[in-house]
Amino acid sequence: MTALRATAWSVFALDLAVLGTMIVELVTAEFGATGGVLATVLTETVGIWLLLVGVVLAAATRQRSRTGLWIGLVGGAVPLLWAWSMIVDALTEYLSGAS
């Protein structure tokens, strides 16, 4: 159970890094009229999602709940999978344009 707890919290830490990157880009990037609103809503949604995942992980860690840790791990993997798909999409677009 220690490995599961460490893995779940590591995924959560990576999620926080993704959220931090999103916040930096939101502050420094130039957006169009609707782009800024969409980026803000997306960042807020990810932030709220991570808040919920953090609460689940904290409660599961305190109560030593294996099920809660699995729920937190899967919930924390969703933003990472989304970020990974965005990276792959950007690389694919870049490489297809470079050819």
Protein backbone atom coordinates (compact mmCIF):
# COMPACT_ATOMS: atom_id res chain seq x y z
CA MET A 1 0.00 0.00 0.00
CA THR A 2 2.99 2.29 0.51
CA ALA A 3 3.88 2.05 -3.19
CA LEU A 4 0.29 2.85 -4.17
CA ARG A 5 0.27 5.88 -1.88
CA ALA A 6 3.59 7.12 -3.26
CA THR A 7 2.44 6.61 -6.84
CA ALA A 8 -0.86 8.41 -6.27
CA TRP A 9 0.83 11.39 -4.65
CA SER A 10 3.51 11.47 -7.38
CA VAL A 11 0.83 11.63 -10.06
CA PHE A 12 -0.85 14.42 -8.10
CA ALA A 13 2.47 16.30 -7.92
CA LEU A 14 2.85 15.98 -11.70
CA ASP A 15 -0.69 17.31 -12.07
CA LEU A 16 0.26 20.33 -10.01
CA ALA A 17 3.23 20.92 -12.32
CA VAL A 18 0.89 20.82 -15.33
CA LEU A 19 -1.49 23.23 -13.59
CA GLY A 20 1.40 25.55 -12.79
CA THR A 21 2.48 25.53 -16.42
CA MET A 22 -1.08 26.30 -17.48
CA ILE A 23 -1.22 29.25 -15.09
CA VAL A 24 2.10 30.63 -16.34
CA GLU A 25 0.93 30.34 -19.95
CA LEU A 26 -2.37 31.97 -19.04
CA VAL A 27 -0.60 34.94 -17.52
CA THR A 28 2.06 35.38 -20.21
CA ALA A 29 0.35 34.31 -23.46
CA GLU A 30 -1.46 36.52 -25.93
CA PHE A 31 -4.99 35.32 -26.67
CA GLY A 32 -7.70 36.51 -28.99
CA ALA A 33 -11.11 37.71 -27.86
CA THR A 34 -12.49 34.28 -26.94
CA GLY A 35 -9.17 32.46 -26.47
CA GLY A 36 -8.48 34.07 -23.12
CA VAL A 37 -11.88 33.14 -21.76
CA LEU A 38 -11.55 29.54 -22.94
CA ALA A 39 -8.05 29.23 -21.48
CA THR A 40 -9.23 30.68 -18.16
CA VAL A 41 -12.19 28.31 -17.96
CA LEU A 42 -10.00 25.33 -18.82
CA THR A 43 -7.41 26.29 -16.20
CA GLU A 44 -10.11 26.79 -13.56
CA THR A 45 -11.67 23.42 -14.44
CA VAL A 46 -8.34 21.62 -14.10
CA GLY A 47 -7.71 23.44 -10.81
CA ILE A 48 -11.06 22.39 -9.38
CA TRP A 49 -10.52 18.81 -10.57
CA LEU A 50 -7.12 18.72 -8.85
CA LEU A 51 -8.60 20.16 -5.68
CA LEU A 52 -11.08 17.29 -5.59
CA VAL A 53 -8.35 14.73 -6.32
CA GLY A 54 -6.23 16.22 -3.54
CA VAL A 55 -9.09 15.98 -1.05
CA VAL A 56 -9.72 12.34 -2.04
CA LEU A 57 -6.02 11.51 -1.69
CA ALA A 58 -5.74 13.24 1.67
CA ALA A 59 -8.79 11.44 3.03
CA ALA A 60 -7.64 8.09 1.61
CA THR A 61 -4.16 8.52 3.08
CA ARG A 62 -5.55 9.45 6.48
CA GLN A 63 -8.00 6.53 6.54
CA ARG A 64 -5.56 4.11 4.87
CA SER A 65 -8.10 3.36 2.16
CA ARG A 66 -6.75 1.42 -0.81
CA THR A 67 -9.93 2.13 -2.83
CA GLY A 68 -9.63 5.85 -2.17
CA LEU A 69 -6.00 5.83 -3.29
CA TRP A 70 -6.97 4.06 -6.52
CA ILE A 71 -9.74 6.61 -7.14
CA GLY A 72 -7.24 9.42 -6.53
CA LEU A 73 -4.68 7.79 -8.81
CA VAL A 74 -7.14 7.36 -11.67
CA GLY A 75 -8.57 10.84 -11.12
CA GLY A 76 -5.07 12.28 -11.13
CA ALA A 77 -4.15 10.44 -14.31
CA VAL A 78 -6.92 12.14 -16.31
CA PRO A 79 -5.20 15.58 -16.53
CA LEU A 80 -1.87 13.92 -17.32
CA LEU A 81 -3.41 11.90 -20.13
CA TRP A 82 -5.04 15.06 -21.46
CA ALA A 83 -1.72 16.94 -21.33
CA TRP A 84 0.06 14.03 -23.04
CA SER A 85 -2.53 13.97 -25.84
CA MET A 86 -2.08 17.73 -26.34
CA ILE A 87 1.71 17.29 -26.57
CA VAL A 88 1.39 14.46 -29.09
CA ASP A 89 -1.11 16.50 -31.11
CA ALA A 90 1.20 19.54 -31.16
CA LEU A 91 4.19 17.42 -32.18
CA THR A 92 2.21 15.71 -34.91
CA GLU A 93 1.00 19.07 -36.23
CA TYR A 94 4.53 20.49 -36.11
CA LEU A 95 6.11 17.50 -37.85
CA SER A 96 3.44 17.36 -40.56
CA GLY A 97 3.96 21.06 -41.24
CA ALA A 98 7.75 20.70 -41.36
CA SER A 99 7.63 18.07 -44.13
